[in-house]
Amino acid sequence: MLAELLVELIKVVLKGQVGVELVLN
């Protein structure tokens, strides 16, 4: 169960990074 939470957190972080890159570019 903890692994699933970590995966969801990583997905959110990656989405956030992609959003920032799109804004900067």
N, C-alpha and C. Protein backbone atom coordinates (compact mmCIF):
# COMPACT_ATOMS: atom_id res chain seq x y z
N MET A 1 0.84 -1.21 0.00
CA MET A 1 0.00 0.00 0.00
C MET A 1 0.87 1.25 0.00
N LEU A 2 1.99 1.19 0.75
CA LEU A 2 2.88 2.35 0.80
C LEU A 2 3.50 2.60 -0.58
N ALA A 3 3.82 1.53 -1.28
CA ALA A 3 4.42 1.68 -2.62
C ALA A 3 3.45 2.38 -3.55
N GLU A 4 2.18 2.07 -3.44
CA GLU A 4 1.18 2.70 -4.32
C GLU A 4 1.11 4.20 -4.05
N LEU A 5 1.20 4.57 -2.77
CA LEU A 5 1.16 5.99 -2.43
C LEU A 5 2.38 6.70 -3.00
N LEU A 6 3.53 6.04 -2.93
CA LEU A 6 4.75 6.65 -3.46
C LEU A 6 4.64 6.84 -4.97
N VAL A 7 4.05 5.86 -5.65
CA VAL A 7 3.88 5.96 -7.11
C VAL A 7 2.99 7.14 -7.45
N GLU A 8 1.89 7.29 -6.70
CA GLU A 8 0.97 8.41 -6.96
C GLU A 8 1.68 9.74 -6.71
N LEU A 9 2.49 9.79 -5.66
CA LEU A 9 3.21 11.03 -5.35
C LEU A 9 4.20 11.36 -6.45
N ILE A 10 4.90 10.35 -6.95
CA ILE A 10 5.86 10.56 -8.04
C ILE A 10 5.15 11.07 -9.29
N LYS A 11 3.98 10.51 -9.57
CA LYS A 11 3.22 10.96 -10.75
C LYS A 11 2.88 12.44 -10.63
N VAL A 12 2.44 12.84 -9.44
CA VAL A 12 2.07 14.25 -9.23
C VAL A 12 3.29 15.15 -9.39
N VAL A 13 4.42 14.71 -8.83
CA VAL A 13 5.65 15.50 -8.92
C VAL A 13 6.09 15.65 -10.38
N LEU A 14 6.04 14.54 -11.13
CA LEU A 14 6.45 14.57 -12.53
C LEU A 14 5.53 15.50 -13.32
N LYS A 15 4.21 15.43 -13.05
CA LYS A 15 3.26 16.31 -13.74
C LYS A 15 3.59 17.76 -13.44
N GLY A 16 3.95 18.03 -12.18
CA GLY A 16 4.29 19.39 -11.78
C GLY A 16 5.53 19.87 -12.52
N GLN A 17 6.54 19.02 -12.64
CA GLN A 17 7.77 19.40 -13.34
C GLN A 17 7.47 19.68 -14.80
N VAL A 18 6.65 18.85 -15.42
CA VAL A 18 6.31 19.05 -16.83
C VAL A 18 5.57 20.37 -17.00
N GLY A 19 4.66 20.67 -16.07
CA GLY A 19 3.90 21.93 -16.13
C GLY A 19 4.84 23.13 -16.04
N VAL A 20 5.81 23.05 -15.13
CA VAL A 20 6.77 24.15 -14.96
C VAL A 20 7.59 24.34 -16.23
N GLU A 21 8.03 23.24 -16.82
CA GLU A 21 8.84 23.33 -18.04
C GLU A 21 8.04 23.96 -19.17
N LEU A 22 6.75 23.59 -19.27
CA LEU A 22 5.90 24.15 -20.33
C LEU A 22 5.73 25.65 -20.13
N VAL A 23 5.58 26.06 -18.87
CA VAL A 23 5.40 27.49 -18.58
C VAL A 23 6.68 28.26 -18.91
N LEU A 24 7.84 27.69 -18.52
CA LEU A 24 9.11 28.37 -18.77
C LEU A 24 9.40 28.44 -20.27
N ASN A 25 9.03 27.39 -21.00
CA ASN A 25 9.28 27.38 -22.43
C ASN A 25 8.16 28.11 -23.14
